[in-house]
Amino acid sequence: MSNPNDANHWTSTLIGKTLVDGPAATHVSKSTLPNPHRIIKPGYMVTMDFNEARLNVHTDDSNKVTNVRYG
């Protein structure tokens, strides 16, 4: 069983899925993401501070997850 605090868990759970605000059968609800987290769309500006507990979820313009990492 995957550890939900592990980046590999979130990578396998999120990559290729679309993020939505509410529950959905074929998408991933943002409410299931651990705190702290931030969702980063193309062109968004983000701070460069490193927070090893923060999950960074990179998406494309249609909210499909393209990359996941902690930091």
PDB file of N, CA and C in Angstrom:
ATOM      1  N   MET A   1       0.842  -1.185   0.000  1.00  0.00           N
ATOM      2  CA  MET A   1       0.000   0.000   0.000  1.00  0.00           C
ATOM      3  C   MET A   1       0.885   1.245   0.000  1.00  0.00           C
ATOM      4  N   SER A   2       0.542   2.243  -0.780  1.00  0.00           N
ATOM      5  CA  SER A   2       1.334   3.465  -0.884  1.00  0.00           C
ATOM      6  C   SER A   2       1.162   4.344   0.336  1.00  0.00           C
ATOM      7  N   ASN A   3       2.207   5.079   0.641  1.00  0.00           N
ATOM      8  CA  ASN A   3       2.166   6.065   1.711  1.00  0.00           C
ATOM      9  C   ASN A   3       1.658   7.372   1.129  1.00  0.00           C
ATOM     10  N   PRO A   4       0.528   7.924   1.635  1.00  0.00           N
ATOM     11  CA  PRO A   4      -0.021   9.152   1.051  1.00  0.00           C
ATOM     12  C   PRO A   4       0.854  10.381   1.246  1.00  0.00           C
ATOM     13  N   ASN A   5       1.933  10.261   2.026  1.00  0.00           N
ATOM     14  CA  ASN A   5       2.865  11.375   2.177  1.00  0.00           C
ATOM     15  C   ASN A   5       4.063  11.228   1.240  1.00  0.00           C
ATOM     16  N   ASP A   6       4.007  10.254   0.365  1.00  0.00           N
ATOM     17  CA  ASP A   6       5.090   9.959  -0.553  1.00  0.00           C
ATOM     18  C   ASP A   6       4.772  10.518  -1.942  1.00  0.00           C
ATOM     19  N   ALA A   7       5.732  11.180  -2.559  1.00  0.00           N
ATOM     20  CA  ALA A   7       5.526  11.766  -3.885  1.00  0.00           C
ATOM     21  C   ALA A   7       5.161  10.695  -4.910  1.00  0.00           C
ATOM     22  N   ASN A   8       5.707   9.492  -4.785  1.00  0.00           N
ATOM     23  CA  ASN A   8       5.373   8.419  -5.729  1.00  0.00           C
ATOM     24  C   ASN A   8       3.894   8.060  -5.652  1.00  0.00           C
ATOM     25  N   HIS A   9       3.330   8.077  -4.448  1.00  0.00           N
ATOM     26  CA  HIS A   9       1.897   7.820  -4.291  1.00  0.00           C
ATOM     27  C   HIS A   9       1.090   8.841  -5.076  1.00  0.00           C
ATOM     28  N   TRP A  10       1.425  10.123  -4.900  1.00  0.00           N
ATOM     29  CA  TRP A  10       0.659  11.173  -5.574  1.00  0.00           C
ATOM     30  C   TRP A  10       0.917  11.177  -7.068  1.00  0.00           C
ATOM     31  N   THR A  11       2.116  10.841  -7.498  1.00  0.00           N
ATOM     32  CA  THR A  11       2.402  10.762  -8.925  1.00  0.00           C
ATOM     33  C   THR A  11       1.521   9.705  -9.572  1.00  0.00           C
ATOM     34  N   SER A  12       1.472   8.518  -8.984  1.00  0.00           N
ATOM     35  CA  SER A  12       0.666   7.444  -9.579  1.00  0.00           C
ATOM     36  C   SER A  12      -0.828   7.721  -9.462  1.00  0.00           C
ATOM     37  N   THR A  13      -1.233   8.480  -8.451  1.00  0.00           N
ATOM     38  CA  THR A  13      -2.647   8.807  -8.257  1.00  0.00           C
ATOM     39  C   THR A  13      -3.107   9.926  -9.184  1.00  0.00           C
ATOM     40  N   LEU A  14      -2.228  10.891  -9.477  1.00  0.00           N
ATOM     41  CA  LEU A  14      -2.652  12.117 -10.139  1.00  0.00           C
ATOM     42  C   LEU A  14      -2.260  12.273 -11.605  1.00  0.00           C
ATOM     43  N   ILE A  15      -1.105  11.776 -12.014  1.00  0.00           N
ATOM     44  CA  ILE A  15      -0.623  12.031 -13.375  1.00  0.00           C
ATOM     45  C   ILE A  15      -1.668  11.595 -14.403  1.00  0.00           C
ATOM     46  N   GLY A  16      -2.003  12.508 -15.284  1.00  0.00           N
ATOM     47  CA  GLY A  16      -2.953  12.226 -16.345  1.00  0.00           C
ATOM     48  C   GLY A  16      -4.411  12.426 -15.967  1.00  0.00           C
ATOM     49  N   LYS A  17      -4.686  12.677 -14.680  1.00  0.00           N
ATOM     50  CA  LYS A  17      -6.059  12.909 -14.232  1.00  0.00           C
ATOM     51  C   LYS A  17      -6.368  14.401 -14.297  1.00  0.00           C
ATOM     52  N   THR A  18      -7.649  14.744 -14.316  1.00  0.00           N
ATOM     53  CA  THR A  18      -8.091  16.133 -14.311  1.00  0.00           C
ATOM     54  C   THR A  18      -8.548  16.496 -12.915  1.00  0.00           C
ATOM     55  N   LEU A  19      -8.085  17.639 -12.407  1.00  0.00           N
ATOM     56  CA  LEU A  19      -8.486  18.106 -11.083  1.00  0.00           C
ATOM     57  C   LEU A  19      -9.801  18.862 -11.177  1.00  0.00           C
ATOM     58  N   VAL A  20     -10.689  18.603 -10.236  1.00  0.00           N
ATOM     59  CA  VAL A  20     -11.972  19.297 -10.163  1.00  0.00           C
ATOM     60  C   VAL A  20     -12.201  19.729  -8.726  1.00  0.00           C
ATOM     61  N   ASP A  21     -13.142  20.667  -8.525  1.00  0.00           N
ATOM     62  CA  ASP A  21     -13.418  21.152  -7.185  1.00  0.00           C
ATOM     63  C   ASP A  21     -14.254  20.185  -6.354  1.00  0.00           C
ATOM     64  N   GLY A  22     -15.116  19.415  -6.969  1.00  0.00           N
ATOM     65  CA  GLY A  22     -15.970  18.494  -6.236  1.00  0.00           C
ATOM     66  C   GLY A  22     -15.667  17.056  -6.583  1.00  0.00           C
ATOM     67  N   PRO A  23     -16.407  16.116  -5.997  1.00  0.00           N
ATOM     68  CA  PRO A  23     -16.172  14.707  -6.291  1.00  0.00           C
ATOM     69  C   PRO A  23     -16.604  14.358  -7.717  1.00  0.00           C
ATOM     70  N   ALA A  24     -15.900  13.437  -8.316  1.00  0.00           N
ATOM     71  CA  ALA A  24     -16.236  12.974  -9.657  1.00  0.00           C
ATOM     72  C   ALA A  24     -15.634  11.590  -9.858  1.00  0.00           C
ATOM     73  N   ALA A  25     -16.307  10.769 -10.604  1.00  0.00           N
ATOM     74  CA  ALA A  25     -15.868   9.387 -10.769  1.00  0.00           C
ATOM     75  C   ALA A  25     -14.581   9.256 -11.585  1.00  0.00           C
ATOM     76  N   THR A  26     -14.399  10.070 -12.606  1.00  0.00           N
ATOM     77  CA  THR A  26     -13.241   9.919 -13.490  1.00  0.00           C
ATOM     78  C   THR A  26     -12.187  10.990 -13.290  1.00  0.00           C
ATOM     79  N   HIS A  27     -12.367  11.822 -12.300  1.00  0.00           N
ATOM     80  CA  HIS A  27     -11.428  12.909 -12.032  1.00  0.00           C
ATOM     81  C   HIS A  27     -10.944  12.786 -10.589  1.00  0.00           C
ATOM     82  N   VAL A  28     -10.056  13.677 -10.204  1.00  0.00           N
ATOM     83  CA  VAL A  28      -9.561  13.722  -8.832  1.00  0.00           C
ATOM     84  C   VAL A  28     -10.045  15.007  -8.190  1.00  0.00           C
ATOM     85  N   SER A  29     -10.700  14.890  -7.052  1.00  0.00           N
ATOM     86  CA  SER A  29     -11.175  16.073  -6.334  1.00  0.00           C
ATOM     87  C   SER A  29     -10.008  16.747  -5.619  1.00  0.00           C
ATOM     88  N   LYS A  30      -9.934  18.058  -5.744  1.00  0.00           N
ATOM     89  CA  LYS A  30      -8.881  18.816  -5.065  1.00  0.00           C
ATOM     90  C   LYS A  30      -8.929  18.601  -3.557  1.00  0.00           C
ATOM     91  N   SER A  31     -10.107  18.298  -3.030  1.00  0.00           N
ATOM     92  CA  SER A  31     -10.252  18.117  -1.582  1.00  0.00           C
ATOM     93  C   SER A  31      -9.505  16.889  -1.070  1.00  0.00           C
ATOM     94  N   THR A  32      -9.093  15.983  -1.970  1.00  0.00           N
ATOM     95  CA  THR A  32      -8.352  14.795  -1.546  1.00  0.00           C
ATOM     96  C   THR A  32      -6.859  15.051  -1.425  1.00  0.00           C
ATOM     97  N   LEU A  33      -6.394  16.204  -1.889  1.00  0.00           N
ATOM     98  CA  LEU A  33      -4.966  16.520  -1.826  1.00  0.00           C
ATOM     99  C   LEU A  33      -4.563  16.830  -0.396  1.00  0.00           C
ATOM    100  N   PRO A  34      -3.344  16.445  -0.018  1.00  0.00           N
ATOM    101  CA  PRO A  34      -2.879  16.734   1.337  1.00  0.00           C
ATOM    102  C   PRO A  34      -2.580  18.221   1.503  1.00  0.00           C
ATOM    103  N   ASN A  35      -2.619  18.682   2.723  1.00  0.00           N
ATOM    104  CA  ASN A  35      -2.209  20.059   3.018  1.00  0.00           C
ATOM    105  C   ASN A  35      -0.840  20.015   3.650  1.00  0.00           C
ATOM    106  N   PRO A  36       0.024  20.932   3.284  1.00  0.00           N
ATOM    107  CA  PRO A  36      -0.184  21.995   2.303  1.00  0.00           C
ATOM    108  C   PRO A  36       0.028  21.476   0.884  1.00  0.00           C
ATOM    109  N   HIS A  37      -0.642  22.115  -0.057  1.00  0.00           N
ATOM    110  CA  HIS A  37      -0.436  21.822  -1.474  1.00  0.00           C
ATOM    111  C   HIS A  37      -0.652  23.098  -2.272  1.00  0.00           C
ATOM    112  N   ARG A  38      -0.171  23.088  -3.496  1.00  0.00           N
ATOM    113  CA  ARG A  38      -0.476  24.177  -4.414  1.00  0.00           C
ATOM    114  C   ARG A  38      -0.594  23.596  -5.813  1.00  0.00           C
ATOM    115  N   ILE A  39      -1.505  24.163  -6.567  1.00  0.00           N
ATOM    116  CA  ILE A  39      -1.747  23.742  -7.935  1.00  0.00           C
ATOM    117  C   ILE A  39      -1.129  24.794  -8.844  1.00  0.00           C
ATOM    118  N   ILE A  40      -0.271  24.354  -9.749  1.00  0.00           N
ATOM    119  CA  ILE A  40       0.497  25.262 -10.585  1.00  0.00           C
ATOM    120  C   ILE A  40       0.135  25.023 -12.048  1.00  0.00           C
ATOM    121  N   LYS A  41      -0.498  26.028 -12.648  1.00  0.00           N
ATOM    122  CA  LYS A  41      -0.861  25.961 -14.066  1.00  0.00           C
ATOM    123  C   LYS A  41       0.231  26.624 -14.900  1.00  0.00           C
ATOM    124  N   PRO A  42       0.277  26.339 -16.194  1.00  0.00           N
ATOM    125  CA  PRO A  42       1.284  26.969 -17.052  1.00  0.00           C
ATOM    126  C   PRO A  42       1.219  28.494 -16.950  1.00  0.00           C
ATOM    127  N   GLY A  43       2.374  29.107 -16.770  1.00  0.00           N
ATOM    128  CA  GLY A  43       2.458  30.555 -16.706  1.00  0.00           C
ATOM    129  C   GLY A  43       2.211  31.144 -15.322  1.00  0.00           C
ATOM    130  N   TYR A  44       1.762  30.313 -14.360  1.00  0.00           N
ATOM    131  CA  TYR A  44       1.545  30.825 -13.007  1.00  0.00           C
ATOM    132  C   TYR A  44       2.884  31.144 -12.368  1.00  0.00           C
ATOM    133  N   MET A  45       2.919  32.227 -11.632  1.00  0.00           N
ATOM    134  CA  MET A  45       4.108  32.569 -10.874  1.00  0.00           C
ATOM    135  C   MET A  45       4.004  31.908  -9.508  1.00  0.00           C
ATOM    136  N   VAL A  46       5.104  31.338  -9.031  1.00  0.00           N
ATOM    137  CA  VAL A  46       5.131  30.712  -7.714  1.00  0.00           C
ATOM    138  C   VAL A  46       6.363  31.186  -6.971  1.00  0.00           C
ATOM    139  N   THR A  47       6.272  31.151  -5.662  1.00  0.00           N
ATOM    140  CA  THR A  47       7.424  31.503  -4.847  1.00  0.00           C
ATOM    141  C   THR A  47       8.453  30.389  -4.951  1.00  0.00           C
ATOM    142  N   MET A  48       9.693  30.720  -4.713  1.00  0.00           N
ATOM    143  CA  MET A  48      10.769  29.747  -4.811  1.00  0.00           C
ATOM    144  C   MET A  48      11.129  29.143  -3.456  1.00  0.00           C
ATOM    145  N   ASP A  49      10.343  29.456  -2.421  1.00  0.00           N
ATOM    146  CA  ASP A  49      10.642  28.897  -1.107  1.00  0.00           C
ATOM    147  C   ASP A  49      10.430  27.384  -1.140  1.00  0.00           C
ATOM    148  N   PHE A  50      11.272  26.666  -0.418  1.00  0.00           N
ATOM    149  CA  PHE A  50      11.184  25.213  -0.380  1.00  0.00           C
ATOM    150  C   PHE A  50      10.450  24.796   0.877  1.00  0.00           C
ATOM    151  N   ASN A  51       9.403  24.022   0.717  1.00  0.00           N
ATOM    152  CA  ASN A  51       8.656  23.476   1.842  1.00  0.00           C
ATOM    153  C   ASN A  51       8.526  21.986   1.580  1.00  0.00           C
ATOM    154  N   GLU A  52       9.335  21.176   2.280  1.00  0.00           N
ATOM    155  CA  GLU A  52       9.372  19.743   1.987  1.00  0.00           C
ATOM    156  C   GLU A  52       8.037  19.048   2.223  1.00  0.00           C
ATOM    157  N   ALA A  53       7.133  19.666   2.968  1.00  0.00           N
ATOM    158  CA  ALA A  53       5.822  19.067   3.243  1.00  0.00           C
ATOM    159  C   ALA A  53       4.769  19.452   2.200  1.00  0.00           C
ATOM    160  N   ARG A  54       5.075  20.421   1.335  1.00  0.00           N
ATOM    161  CA  ARG A  54       4.081  20.921   0.374  1.00  0.00           C
ATOM    162  C   ARG A  54       4.101  20.106  -0.916  1.00  0.00           C
ATOM    163  N   LEU A  55       2.927  19.636  -1.324  1.00  0.00           N
ATOM    164  CA  LEU A  55       2.776  18.927  -2.585  1.00  0.00           C
ATOM    165  C   LEU A  55       2.514  19.947  -3.687  1.00  0.00           C
ATOM    166  N   ASN A  56       3.353  19.945  -4.713  1.00  0.00           N
ATOM    167  CA  ASN A  56       3.182  20.817  -5.872  1.00  0.00           C
ATOM    168  C   ASN A  56       2.578  19.983  -6.996  1.00  0.00           C
ATOM    169  N   VAL A  57       1.411  20.382  -7.459  1.00  0.00           N
ATOM    170  CA  VAL A  57       0.711  19.664  -8.514  1.00  0.00           C
ATOM    171  C   VAL A  57       0.703  20.564  -9.747  1.00  0.00           C
ATOM    172  N   HIS A  58       1.430  20.168 -10.785  1.00  0.00           N
ATOM    173  CA  HIS A  58       1.512  20.927 -12.029  1.00  0.00           C
ATOM    174  C   HIS A  58       0.438  20.412 -12.975  1.00  0.00           C
ATOM    175  N   THR A  59      -0.313  21.336 -13.584  1.00  0.00           N
ATOM    176  CA  THR A  59      -1.372  20.943 -14.518  1.00  0.00           C
ATOM    177  C   THR A  59      -1.188  21.667 -15.848  1.00  0.00           C
ATOM    178  N   ASP A  60      -1.895  21.177 -16.856  1.00  0.00           N
ATOM    179  CA  ASP A  60      -1.950  21.910 -18.117  1.00  0.00           C
ATOM    180  C   ASP A  60      -3.148  22.862 -18.045  1.00  0.00           C
ATOM    181  N   ASP A  61      -3.447  23.547 -19.134  1.00  0.00           N
ATOM    182  CA  ASP A  61      -4.532  24.532 -19.129  1.00  0.00           C
ATOM    183  C   ASP A  61      -5.909  23.924 -18.885  1.00  0.00           C
ATOM    184  N   SER A  62      -6.044  22.619 -19.104  1.00  0.00           N
ATOM    185  CA  SER A  62      -7.340  21.968 -18.881  1.00  0.00           C
ATOM    186  C   SER A  62      -7.413  21.260 -17.528  1.00  0.00           C
ATOM    187  N   ASN A  63      -6.472  21.567 -16.633  1.00  0.00           N
ATOM    188  CA  ASN A  63      -6.383  20.992 -15.287  1.00  0.00           C
ATOM    189  C   ASN A  63      -5.942  19.541 -15.257  1.00  0.00           C
ATOM    190  N   LYS A  64      -5.409  19.021 -16.353  1.00  0.00           N
ATOM    191  CA  LYS A  64      -4.869  17.659 -16.341  1.00  0.00           C
ATOM    192  C   LYS A  64      -3.491  17.702 -15.688  1.00  0.00           C
ATOM    193  N   VAL A  65      -3.266  16.813 -14.735  1.00  0.00           N
ATOM    194  CA  VAL A  65      -2.004  16.788 -13.986  1.00  0.00           C
ATOM    195  C   VAL A  65      -0.879  16.292 -14.885  1.00  0.00           C
ATOM    196  N   THR A  66       0.216  17.068 -14.909  1.00  0.00           N
ATOM    197  CA  THR A  66       1.368  16.726 -15.738  1.00  0.00           C
ATOM    198  C   THR A  66       2.608  16.378 -14.919  1.00  0.00           C
ATOM    199  N   ASN A  67       2.668  16.843 -13.666  1.00  0.00           N
ATOM    200  CA  ASN A  67       3.826  16.582 -12.818  1.00  0.00           C
ATOM    201  C   ASN A  67       3.412  16.758 -11.362  1.00  0.00           C
ATOM    202  N   VAL A  68       4.044  16.004 -10.484  1.00  0.00           N
ATOM    203  CA  VAL A  68       3.778  16.077  -9.051  1.00  0.00           C
ATOM    204  C   VAL A  68       5.108  15.979  -8.332  1.00  0.00           C
ATOM    205  N   ARG A  69       5.312  16.863  -7.360  1.00  0.00           N
ATOM    206  CA  ARG A  69       6.548  16.778  -6.558  1.00  0.00           C
ATOM    207  C   ARG A  69       6.337  17.478  -5.230  1.00  0.00           C
ATOM    208  N   TYR A  70       7.127  17.110  -4.241  1.00  0.00           N
ATOM    209  CA  TYR A  70       7.116  17.810  -2.970  1.00  0.00           C
ATOM    210  C   TYR A  70       8.205  18.867  -2.995  1.00  0.00           C
ATOM    211  N   GLY A  71       7.986  19.954  -2.270  1.00  0.00           N
ATOM    212  CA  GLY A  71       9.021  20.977  -2.140  1.00  0.00           C
ATOM    213  C   GLY A  71       8.501  22.364  -2.101  1.00  0.00           C
TER     214      GLY A  71
END
